[in-house]
Amino acid sequence: HTNTMAGFPRVAIIYLSFRSEPYLADVIQALKKITYPKERLEFLIVDNPHPEFGLSQKAIEAEVLPLSGKEIPPVTYLPQEKNLGFSGGNNVGIQWAIEHGFAYVYFHNNDGFMAPHCLEPLVETLERDKSIGVAQSLIILYPEIDRINTTGNCFQYLGFGYCGNYYKRVEDVPLPKVKEICYASGAALLMRTDLLKRCGLLDEDFFMYHEDCEYSMRLRALGYKTVLVSDSIFYHKYQFSRSMDKFYFMERNRWAILLMFFKLPTLMLLAPMLLILEIGLW
């Protein structure tokens, strides 16, 4: 297997930057402590420009690039001319990883950081079981590290996605090492590049929200499993926010998921509830 050196496949960590200045210090500290062999990694920064603050180039060039290949894994910086959203930005990283022969890509949210032993359990799980298409880290809130952000996302039958076990105490939720979930949160997950080549990248029409749901469902339709690997920890400075943009994309993409994956008789059966919900939402 060309990707392995002493059993460590090559992993590209895709860090989707969007005004990442407030978060870089924690990200760098975490990368310094990572236990996966650094020479088998690439820290790939895809920088989406913020409408008000622009690119995070200055901070990245000052704080991250000088450490590349020394204290942290090798870094590749890919600044973008326009904001490609979550799906488009990550696809730039996936494309790069495919072209450079990486076995896996790990999505690393802008406002989070990895525990030192984050990658090994994920890679081991996917190497061991080829029927798993995507694996999510256990995402813990930060600084409230006794609380869960998500143990894998849940799908409500009218198209809503939400965080599993949100805000429950970690110790109150018994989790097996590997657990099948409905869909993996795009904040922290490991994907196979060979599957991405075969089944397509993220759907860029989604722009942001629900594209992680669509990808997990697409793989599920092809017979692959989506799992949570509970020994892989990712810390997330999660803040729930509301905006018209967010509402628009979540609503539009919720309908996209329903129309893409549900059969017509199912939609007709759900029509009364969908209508009541729509009135309630408006």
C-alpha atoms as a PDB file:
ATOM      1  CA  HIS A   1       0.000   0.000   0.000  1.00  0.00           C
ATOM      2  CA  THR A   2       1.800   3.113  -1.229  1.00  0.00           C
ATOM      3  CA  ASN A   3       0.229   5.328   1.433  1.00  0.00           C
ATOM      4  CA  THR A   4       1.616   3.540   4.462  1.00  0.00           C
ATOM      5  CA  MET A   5       4.930   3.968   6.212  1.00  0.00           C
ATOM      6  CA  ALA A   6       5.118   1.601   9.165  1.00  0.00           C
ATOM      7  CA  GLY A   7       1.326   1.431   9.103  1.00  0.00           C
ATOM      8  CA  PHE A   8       0.607   5.165   9.100  1.00  0.00           C
ATOM      9  CA  PRO A   9      -1.385   6.254   6.033  1.00  0.00           C
ATOM     10  CA  ARG A  10      -0.963   9.834   4.896  1.00  0.00           C
ATOM     11  CA  VAL A  11      -3.619  12.243   6.184  1.00  0.00           C
ATOM     12  CA  ALA A  12      -4.331  15.776   4.952  1.00  0.00           C
ATOM     13  CA  ILE A  13      -5.881  17.897   7.704  1.00  0.00           C
ATOM     14  CA  ILE A  14      -8.105  20.450   5.958  1.00  0.00           C
ATOM     15  CA  TYR A  15      -8.393  23.594   8.049  1.00  0.00           C
ATOM     16  CA  LEU A  16     -11.088  25.792   6.547  1.00  0.00           C
ATOM     17  CA  SER A  17     -10.097  29.285   7.645  1.00  0.00           C
ATOM     18  CA  PHE A  18     -12.696  32.063   7.859  1.00  0.00           C
ATOM     19  CA  ARG A  19     -11.344  34.907   9.960  1.00  0.00           C
ATOM     20  CA  SER A  20      -9.319  32.384  11.921  1.00  0.00           C
ATOM     21  CA  GLU A  21      -7.177  34.920  13.858  1.00  0.00           C
ATOM     22  CA  PRO A  22      -8.957  34.342  17.230  1.00  0.00           C
ATOM     23  CA  TYR A  23      -8.452  30.559  16.998  1.00  0.00           C
ATOM     24  CA  LEU A  24      -4.949  30.053  15.577  1.00  0.00           C
ATOM     25  CA  ALA A  25      -3.074  29.995  18.909  1.00  0.00           C
ATOM     26  CA  ASP A  26      -5.056  26.976  20.169  1.00  0.00           C
ATOM     27  CA  VAL A  27      -4.832  25.232  16.799  1.00  0.00           C
ATOM     28  CA  ILE A  28      -1.026  25.622  16.762  1.00  0.00           C
ATOM     29  CA  GLN A  29      -0.631  24.375  20.362  1.00  0.00           C
ATOM     30  CA  ALA A  30      -2.738  21.305  19.504  1.00  0.00           C
ATOM     31  CA  LEU A  31      -0.711  20.593  16.349  1.00  0.00           C
ATOM     32  CA  LYS A  32       2.526  20.712  18.361  1.00  0.00           C
ATOM     33  CA  LYS A  33       1.190  17.977  20.679  1.00  0.00           C
ATOM     34  CA  ILE A  34      -0.257  15.692  18.013  1.00  0.00           C
ATOM     35  CA  THR A  35       1.025  12.092  18.335  1.00  0.00           C
ATOM     36  CA  TYR A  36       0.410  10.925  14.744  1.00  0.00           C
ATOM     37  CA  PRO A  37       3.770  10.991  12.846  1.00  0.00           C
ATOM     38  CA  LYS A  38       4.020  14.583  11.613  1.00  0.00           C
ATOM     39  CA  GLU A  39       5.812  13.578   8.394  1.00  0.00           C
ATOM     40  CA  ARG A  40       2.693  11.562   7.416  1.00  0.00           C
ATOM     41  CA  LEU A  41       0.488  14.660   7.736  1.00  0.00           C
ATOM     42  CA  GLU A  42      -0.137  17.866   5.835  1.00  0.00           C
ATOM     43  CA  PHE A  43      -1.890  20.792   7.487  1.00  0.00           C
ATOM     44  CA  LEU A  44      -3.810  22.278   4.610  1.00  0.00           C
ATOM     45  CA  ILE A  45      -5.189  25.781   5.203  1.00  0.00           C
ATOM     46  CA  VAL A  46      -7.944  26.760   2.772  1.00  0.00           C
ATOM     47  CA  ASP A  47      -8.584  30.437   3.506  1.00  0.00           C
ATOM     48  CA  ASN A  48     -12.042  31.782   2.624  1.00  0.00           C
ATOM     49  CA  PRO A  49     -12.075  35.609   2.675  1.00  0.00           C
ATOM     50  CA  HIS A  50     -14.383  37.178   5.277  1.00  0.00           C
ATOM     51  CA  PRO A  51     -16.729  39.855   3.798  1.00  0.00           C
ATOM     52  CA  GLU A  52     -15.531  42.440   6.350  1.00  0.00           C
ATOM     53  CA  PHE A  53     -12.033  41.314   7.385  1.00  0.00           C
ATOM     54  CA  GLY A  54     -10.784  39.598   4.215  1.00  0.00           C
ATOM     55  CA  LEU A  55      -8.191  36.792   4.295  1.00  0.00           C
ATOM     56  CA  SER A  56      -6.383  35.683   7.470  1.00  0.00           C
ATOM     57  CA  GLN A  57      -3.121  35.689   5.484  1.00  0.00           C
ATOM     58  CA  LYS A  58      -1.129  38.038   7.771  1.00  0.00           C
ATOM     59  CA  ALA A  59      -1.749  35.957  10.893  1.00  0.00           C
ATOM     60  CA  ILE A  60      -1.176  32.659   9.077  1.00  0.00           C
ATOM     61  CA  GLU A  61       2.114  33.867   7.570  1.00  0.00           C
ATOM     62  CA  ALA A  62       3.288  35.205  10.942  1.00  0.00           C
ATOM     63  CA  GLU A  63       2.088  32.453  13.304  1.00  0.00           C
ATOM     64  CA  VAL A  64       1.686  29.206  11.354  1.00  0.00           C
ATOM     65  CA  LEU A  65       4.004  29.044   8.321  1.00  0.00           C
ATOM     66  CA  PRO A  66       7.285  29.591  10.254  1.00  0.00           C
ATOM     67  CA  LEU A  67       6.541  26.377  12.238  1.00  0.00           C
ATOM     68  CA  SER A  68       5.758  24.291   9.130  1.00  0.00           C
ATOM     69  CA  GLY A  69       7.580  20.938   9.145  1.00  0.00           C
ATOM     70  CA  LYS A  70       9.388  21.826  12.384  1.00  0.00           C
ATOM     71  CA  GLU A  71       7.189  21.991  15.479  1.00  0.00           C
ATOM     72  CA  ILE A  72       4.002  21.220  13.558  1.00  0.00           C
ATOM     73  CA  PRO A  73       3.246  19.113  10.440  1.00  0.00           C
ATOM     74  CA  PRO A  74       4.137  20.578   7.011  1.00  0.00           C
ATOM     75  CA  VAL A  75       1.719  23.384   6.110  1.00  0.00           C
ATOM     76  CA  THR A  76       0.261  24.278   2.710  1.00  0.00           C
ATOM     77  CA  TYR A  77      -1.583  27.590   2.454  1.00  0.00           C
ATOM     78  CA  LEU A  78      -4.296  28.003  -0.193  1.00  0.00           C
ATOM     79  CA  PRO A  79      -5.835  31.513  -0.062  1.00  0.00           C
ATOM     80  CA  GLN A  80      -9.081  31.866  -2.057  1.00  0.00           C
ATOM     81  CA  GLU A  81     -10.195  34.874  -4.079  1.00  0.00           C
ATOM     82  CA  LYS A  82     -13.824  34.547  -2.996  1.00  0.00           C
ATOM     83  CA  ASN A  83     -15.689  32.785  -0.220  1.00  0.00           C
ATOM     84  CA  LEU A  84     -16.442  29.297  -1.538  1.00  0.00           C
ATOM     85  CA  GLY A  85     -18.460  28.317   1.526  1.00  0.00           C
ATOM     86  CA  PHE A  86     -18.020  25.142   3.555  1.00  0.00           C
ATOM     87  CA  SER A  87     -18.483  22.683   0.699  1.00  0.00           C
ATOM     88  CA  GLY A  88     -16.493  24.596  -1.943  1.00  0.00           C
ATOM     89  CA  GLY A  89     -13.646  25.425   0.446  1.00  0.00           C
ATOM     90  CA  ASN A  90     -13.275  21.865   1.694  1.00  0.00           C
ATOM     91  CA  ASN A  91     -13.419  20.590  -1.889  1.00  0.00           C
ATOM     92  CA  VAL A  92     -10.346  22.693  -2.723  1.00  0.00           C
ATOM     93  CA  GLY A  93      -8.540  20.854   0.084  1.00  0.00           C
ATOM     94  CA  ILE A  94      -9.889  17.431  -0.935  1.00  0.00           C
ATOM     95  CA  GLN A  95      -8.781  18.009  -4.537  1.00  0.00           C
ATOM     96  CA  TRP A  96      -5.282  18.948  -3.353  1.00  0.00           C
ATOM     97  CA  ALA A  97      -5.104  15.835  -1.129  1.00  0.00           C
ATOM     98  CA  ILE A  98      -6.196  13.567  -3.992  1.00  0.00           C
ATOM     99  CA  GLU A  99      -3.628  15.097  -6.367  1.00  0.00           C
ATOM    100  CA  HIS A 100      -0.858  14.606  -3.791  1.00  0.00           C
ATOM    101  CA  GLY A 101      -1.679  10.965  -3.028  1.00  0.00           C
ATOM    102  CA  PHE A 102      -3.119  11.211   0.491  1.00  0.00           C
ATOM    103  CA  ALA A 103      -5.201   8.275   1.773  1.00  0.00           C
ATOM    104  CA  TYR A 104      -7.445  10.332   4.049  1.00  0.00           C
ATOM    105  CA  VAL A 105      -8.682  13.864   4.650  1.00  0.00           C
ATOM    106  CA  TYR A 106      -9.627  15.153   8.090  1.00  0.00           C
ATOM    107  CA  PHE A 107     -12.014  18.118   8.318  1.00  0.00           C
ATOM    108  CA  HIS A 108     -10.850  20.520  11.035  1.00  0.00           C
ATOM    109  CA  ASN A 109     -13.353  23.238  11.965  1.00  0.00           C
ATOM    110  CA  ASN A 110     -12.116  26.837  12.045  1.00  0.00           C
ATOM    111  CA  ASP A 111     -13.051  27.292  15.728  1.00  0.00           C
ATOM    112  CA  GLY A 112     -11.808  24.037  17.240  1.00  0.00           C
ATOM    113  CA  PHE A 113      -8.661  22.007  17.898  1.00  0.00           C
ATOM    114  CA  MET A 114      -7.593  18.368  18.135  1.00  0.00           C
ATOM    115  CA  ALA A 115      -6.665  16.326  21.203  1.00  0.00           C
ATOM    116  CA  PRO A 116      -3.116  14.885  20.860  1.00  0.00           C
ATOM    117  CA  HIS A 117      -4.330  11.344  20.095  1.00  0.00           C
ATOM    118  CA  CYS A 118      -7.146  12.441  17.773  1.00  0.00           C
ATOM    119  CA  LEU A 119      -6.172  10.811  14.481  1.00  0.00           C
ATOM    120  CA  GLU A 120      -4.913   7.311  15.344  1.00  0.00           C
ATOM    121  CA  PRO A 121      -8.289   5.826  16.464  1.00  0.00           C
ATOM    122  CA  LEU A 122     -10.024   7.207  13.348  1.00  0.00           C
ATOM    123  CA  VAL A 123      -7.398   5.885  10.933  1.00  0.00           C
ATOM    124  CA  GLU A 124      -7.256   2.494  12.696  1.00  0.00           C
ATOM    125  CA  THR A 125     -11.068   2.183  12.475  1.00  0.00           C
ATOM    126  CA  LEU A 126     -11.204   2.987   8.755  1.00  0.00           C
ATOM    127  CA  GLU A 127      -8.197   0.786   7.976  1.00  0.00           C
ATOM    128  CA  ARG A 128      -9.779  -2.129   9.840  1.00  0.00           C
ATOM    129  CA  ASP A 129     -13.307  -1.904   8.406  1.00  0.00           C
ATOM    130  CA  LYS A 130     -13.616  -1.029   4.710  1.00  0.00           C
ATOM    131  CA  SER A 131     -17.428  -0.861   4.969  1.00  0.00           C
ATOM    132  CA  ILE A 132     -17.110   2.414   6.936  1.00  0.00           C
ATOM    133  CA  GLY A 133     -17.194   5.405   4.611  1.00  0.00           C
ATOM    134  CA  VAL A 134     -16.729   8.270   7.080  1.00  0.00           C
ATOM    135  CA  ALA A 135     -15.800   8.482  10.775  1.00  0.00           C
ATOM    136  CA  GLN A 136     -16.440  11.383  13.150  1.00  0.00           C
ATOM    137  CA  SER A 137     -14.460  12.387  16.226  1.00  0.00           C
ATOM    138  CA  LEU A 138     -16.257  12.785  19.545  1.00  0.00           C
ATOM    139  CA  ILE A 139     -16.778  16.560  19.561  1.00  0.00           C
ATOM    140  CA  ILE A 140     -16.547  18.116  23.023  1.00  0.00           C
ATOM    141  CA  LEU A 141     -17.455  21.701  23.892  1.00  0.00           C
ATOM    142  CA  TYR A 142     -14.657  24.079  24.851  1.00  0.00           C
ATOM    143  CA  PRO A 143     -13.973  25.435  27.444  1.00  0.00           C
ATOM    144  CA  GLU A 144     -16.732  23.266  29.030  1.00  0.00           C
ATOM    145  CA  ILE A 145     -14.821  20.060  28.387  1.00  0.00           C
ATOM    146  CA  ASP A 146     -17.175  17.948  30.516  1.00  0.00           C
ATOM    147  CA  ARG A 147     -19.981  18.655  27.996  1.00  0.00           C
ATOM    148  CA  ILE A 148     -20.734  17.090  24.624  1.00  0.00           C
ATOM    149  CA  ASN A 149     -21.118  19.089  21.415  1.00  0.00           C
ATOM    150  CA  THR A 150     -22.137  16.055  19.322  1.00  0.00           C
ATOM    151  CA  THR A 151     -21.792  12.273  19.436  1.00  0.00           C
ATOM    152  CA  GLY A 152     -22.839  12.158  15.781  1.00  0.00           C
ATOM    153  CA  ASN A 153     -25.615  14.157  14.193  1.00  0.00           C
ATOM    154  CA  CYS A 154     -29.244  13.058  14.090  1.00  0.00           C
ATOM    155  CA  PHE A 155     -31.719  13.448  11.248  1.00  0.00           C
ATOM    156  CA  GLN A 156     -35.325  14.345  11.995  1.00  0.00           C
ATOM    157  CA  TYR A 157     -37.797  13.010   9.420  1.00  0.00           C
ATOM    158  CA  LEU A 158     -38.810  16.501   8.197  1.00  0.00           C
ATOM    159  CA  GLY A 159     -35.226  17.205   7.161  1.00  0.00           C
ATOM    160  CA  PHE A 160     -33.670  18.815  10.230  1.00  0.00           C
ATOM    161  CA  GLY A 161     -30.184  17.853  11.357  1.00  0.00           C
ATOM    162  CA  TYR A 162     -29.139  18.337  14.965  1.00  0.00           C
ATOM    163  CA  CYS A 163     -26.323  17.464  17.391  1.00  0.00           C
ATOM    164  CA  GLY A 164     -26.680  14.106  19.159  1.00  0.00           C
ATOM    165  CA  ASN A 165     -26.534  14.309  22.994  1.00  0.00           C
ATOM    166  CA  TYR A 166     -25.861  18.063  22.877  1.00  0.00           C
ATOM    167  CA  TYR A 167     -24.757  19.554  26.211  1.00  0.00           C
ATOM    168  CA  LYS A 168     -25.024  16.262  28.088  1.00  0.00           C
ATOM    169  CA  ARG A 169     -22.176  15.433  30.464  1.00  0.00           C
ATOM    170  CA  VAL A 170     -19.549  13.235  28.811  1.00  0.00           C
ATOM    171  CA  GLU A 171     -19.593  10.839  31.771  1.00  0.00           C
ATOM    172  CA  ASP A 172     -23.411  10.426  31.550  1.00  0.00           C
ATOM    173  CA  VAL A 173     -23.357   9.112  27.975  1.00  0.00           C
ATOM    174  CA  PRO A 174     -21.909   5.593  27.719  1.00  0.00           C
ATOM    175  CA  LEU A 175     -20.262   5.285  24.310  1.00  0.00           C
ATOM    176  CA  PRO A 176     -18.756   2.206  22.660  1.00  0.00           C
ATOM    177  CA  LYS A 177     -15.404   2.697  20.883  1.00  0.00           C
ATOM    178  CA  VAL A 178     -17.175   2.672  17.500  1.00  0.00           C
ATOM    179  CA  LYS A 179     -20.852   3.523  17.111  1.00  0.00           C
ATOM    180  CA  GLU A 180     -22.967   3.775  13.976  1.00  0.00           C
ATOM    181  CA  ILE A 181     -24.545   7.219  13.608  1.00  0.00           C
ATOM    182  CA  CYS A 182     -26.994   8.849  11.231  1.00  0.00           C
ATOM    183  CA  TYR A 183     -24.526  11.349   9.839  1.00  0.00           C
ATOM    184  CA  ALA A 184     -21.119  12.772  10.704  1.00  0.00           C
ATOM    185  CA  SER A 185     -20.680  16.411  11.685  1.00  0.00           C
ATOM    186  CA  GLY A 186     -18.485  18.310   9.224  1.00  0.00           C
ATOM    187  CA  ALA A 187     -16.669  19.940  12.174  1.00  0.00           C
ATOM    188  CA  ALA A 188     -14.348  16.959  12.733  1.00  0.00           C
ATOM    189  CA  LEU A 189     -14.433  13.875  10.523  1.00  0.00           C
ATOM    190  CA  LEU A 190     -12.179  11.556   8.537  1.00  0.00           C
ATOM    191  CA  MET A 191     -12.986  10.634   4.919  1.00  0.00           C
ATOM    192  CA  ARG A 192     -11.369   8.246   2.438  1.00  0.00           C
ATOM    193  CA  THR A 193      -9.920   9.921  -0.668  1.00  0.00           C
ATOM    194  CA  ASP A 194     -10.555   6.823  -2.820  1.00  0.00           C
ATOM    195  CA  LEU A 195     -14.272   7.045  -1.968  1.00  0.00           C
ATOM    196  CA  LEU A 196     -14.318  10.781  -2.630  1.00  0.00           C
ATOM    197  CA  LYS A 197     -12.810  10.092  -6.055  1.00  0.00           C
ATOM    198  CA  ARG A 198     -15.381   7.404  -6.752  1.00  0.00           C
ATOM    199  CA  CYS A 199     -18.538   8.925  -5.208  1.00  0.00           C
ATOM    200  CA  GLY A 200     -17.860  12.625  -5.772  1.00  0.00           C
ATOM    201  CA  LEU A 201     -16.780  15.447  -3.460  1.00  0.00           C
ATOM    202  CA  LEU A 202     -19.070  17.572  -1.289  1.00  0.00           C
ATOM    203  CA  ASP A 203     -22.087  19.026  -3.107  1.00  0.00           C
ATOM    204  CA  GLU A 204     -21.122  22.673  -3.717  1.00  0.00           C
ATOM    205  CA  ASP A 205     -24.733  23.732  -4.338  1.00  0.00           C
ATOM    206  CA  PHE A 206     -25.253  23.439  -0.571  1.00  0.00           C
ATOM    207  CA  PHE A 207     -22.597  26.145   0.088  1.00  0.00           C
ATOM    208  CA  MET A 208     -22.979  25.719   3.871  1.00  0.00           C
ATOM    209  CA  TYR A 209     -25.100  23.578   6.226  1.00  0.00           C
ATOM    210  CA  HIS A 210     -26.391  20.038   5.580  1.00  0.00           C
ATOM    211  CA  GLU A 211     -23.619  19.173   3.093  1.00  0.00           C
ATOM    212  CA  ASP A 212     -22.216  16.800   5.715  1.00  0.00           C
ATOM    213  CA  CYS A 213     -25.676  15.221   5.991  1.00  0.00           C
ATOM    214  CA  GLU A 214     -25.923  14.847   2.219  1.00  0.00           C
ATOM    215  CA  TYR A 215     -22.480  13.203   2.013  1.00  0.00           C
ATOM    216  CA  SER A 216     -23.214  10.659   4.777  1.00  0.00           C
ATOM    217  CA  MET A 217     -26.585   9.851   3.195  1.00  0.00           C
ATOM    218  CA  ARG A 218     -25.025   9.474  -0.244  1.00  0.00           C
ATOM    219  CA  LEU A 219     -22.541   6.951   1.164  1.00  0.00           C
ATOM    220  CA  ARG A 220     -25.292   5.193   3.116  1.00  0.00           C
ATOM    221  CA  ALA A 221     -27.300   4.839  -0.127  1.00  0.00           C
ATOM    222  CA  LEU A 222     -24.214   3.103  -1.590  1.00  0.00           C
ATOM    223  CA  GLY A 223     -23.992   0.705   1.369  1.00  0.00           C
ATOM    224  CA  TYR A 224     -21.304   2.417   3.491  1.00  0.00           C
ATOM    225  CA  LYS A 225     -21.543   3.047   7.227  1.00  0.00           C
ATOM    226  CA  THR A 226     -21.050   6.336   9.079  1.00  0.00           C
ATOM    227  CA  VAL A 227     -19.586   6.015  12.568  1.00  0.00           C
ATOM    228  CA  LEU A 228     -18.495   7.893  15.670  1.00  0.00           C
ATOM    229  CA  VAL A 229     -15.067   6.915  17.051  1.00  0.00           C
ATOM    230  CA  SER A 230     -15.268   7.911  20.708  1.00  0.00           C
ATOM    231  CA  ASP A 231     -11.518   7.705  21.481  1.00  0.00           C
ATOM    232  CA  SER A 232     -10.881  10.459  18.933  1.00  0.00           C
ATOM    233  CA  ILE A 233     -11.493  13.803  20.650  1.00  0.00           C
ATOM    234  CA  PHE A 234     -11.978  17.208  19.023  1.00  0.00           C
ATOM    235  CA  TYR A 235     -12.633  20.353  21.080  1.00  0.00           C
ATOM    236  CA  HIS A 236     -15.082  22.876  19.639  1.00  0.00           C
ATOM    237  CA  LYS A 237     -15.689  26.489  20.692  1.00  0.00           C
ATOM    238  CA  TYR A 238     -19.260  26.080  19.534  1.00  0.00           C
ATOM    239  CA  GLN A 239     -21.575  29.082  19.573  1.00  0.00           C
ATOM    240  CA  PHE A 240     -25.084  28.738  18.279  1.00  0.00           C
ATOM    241  CA  SER A 241     -25.923  31.782  16.190  1.00  0.00           C
ATOM    242  CA  ARG A 242     -28.974  32.952  14.297  1.00  0.00           C
ATOM    243  CA  SER A 243     -28.934  35.058  11.136  1.00  0.00           C
ATOM    244  CA  MET A 244     -31.080  35.441   8.027  1.00  0.00           C
ATOM    245  CA  ASP A 245     -28.284  33.910   5.937  1.00  0.00           C
ATOM    246  CA  LYS A 246     -28.106  30.888   8.211  1.00  0.00           C
ATOM    247  CA  PHE A 247     -31.895  30.492   8.200  1.00  0.00           C
ATOM    248  CA  TYR A 248     -31.991  30.736   4.407  1.00  0.00           C
ATOM    249  CA  PHE A 249     -29.289  28.102   3.813  1.00  0.00           C
ATOM    250  CA  MET A 250     -30.612  25.719   6.474  1.00  0.00           C
ATOM    251  CA  GLU A 251     -34.158  25.894   5.080  1.00  0.00           C
ATOM    252  CA  ARG A 252     -33.137  25.662   1.435  1.00  0.00           C
ATOM    253  CA  ASN A 253     -30.766  22.766   2.105  1.00  0.00           C
ATOM    254  CA  ARG A 254     -33.266  20.944   4.306  1.00  0.00           C
ATOM    255  CA  TRP A 255     -35.632  20.871   1.321  1.00  0.00           C
ATOM    256  CA  ALA A 256     -32.781  19.811  -0.960  1.00  0.00           C
ATOM    257  CA  ILE A 257     -32.102  16.772   1.276  1.00  0.00           C
ATOM    258  CA  LEU A 258     -35.805  15.827   1.338  1.00  0.00           C
ATOM    259  CA  LEU A 259     -36.156  16.104  -2.443  1.00  0.00           C
ATOM    260  CA  MET A 260     -32.864  14.288  -3.142  1.00  0.00           C
ATOM    261  CA  PHE A 261     -33.322  11.316  -0.824  1.00  0.00           C
ATOM    262  CA  PHE A 262     -37.036  10.766  -0.167  1.00  0.00           C
ATOM    263  CA  LYS A 263     -39.214   8.934  -2.659  1.00  0.00           C
ATOM    264  CA  LEU A 264     -42.343  10.703  -3.931  1.00  0.00           C
ATOM    265  CA  PRO A 265     -44.796   8.500  -1.956  1.00  0.00           C
ATOM    266  CA  THR A 266     -42.823   9.307   1.230  1.00  0.00           C
ATOM    267  CA  LEU A 267     -43.013  13.038   0.508  1.00  0.00           C
ATOM    268  CA  MET A 268     -46.754  12.765  -0.107  1.00  0.00           C
ATOM    269  CA  LEU A 269     -47.196  10.922   3.183  1.00  0.00           C
ATOM    270  CA  LEU A 270     -45.229  13.658   4.991  1.00  0.00           C
ATOM    271  CA  ALA A 271     -46.929  16.549   3.129  1.00  0.00           C
ATOM    272  CA  PRO A 272     -49.437  17.458   5.910  1.00  0.00           C
ATOM    273  CA  MET A 273     -46.676  17.622   8.544  1.00  0.00           C
ATOM    274  CA  LEU A 274     -44.349  19.502   6.193  1.00  0.00           C
ATOM    275  CA  LEU A 275     -47.085  22.081   5.570  1.00  0.00           C
ATOM    276  CA  ILE A 276     -47.850  22.549   9.290  1.00  0.00           C
ATOM    277  CA  LEU A 277     -44.118  22.879   9.986  1.00  0.00           C
ATOM    278  CA  GLU A 278     -43.681  25.429   7.199  1.00  0.00           C
ATOM    279  CA  ILE A 279     -46.461  27.631   8.636  1.00  0.00           C
ATOM    280  CA  GLY A 280     -44.889  27.325  12.090  1.00  0.00           C
ATOM    281  CA  LEU A 281     -41.445  28.272  10.750  1.00  0.00           C
ATOM    282  CA  TRP A 282     -42.700  31.336   8.931  1.00  0.00           C
END
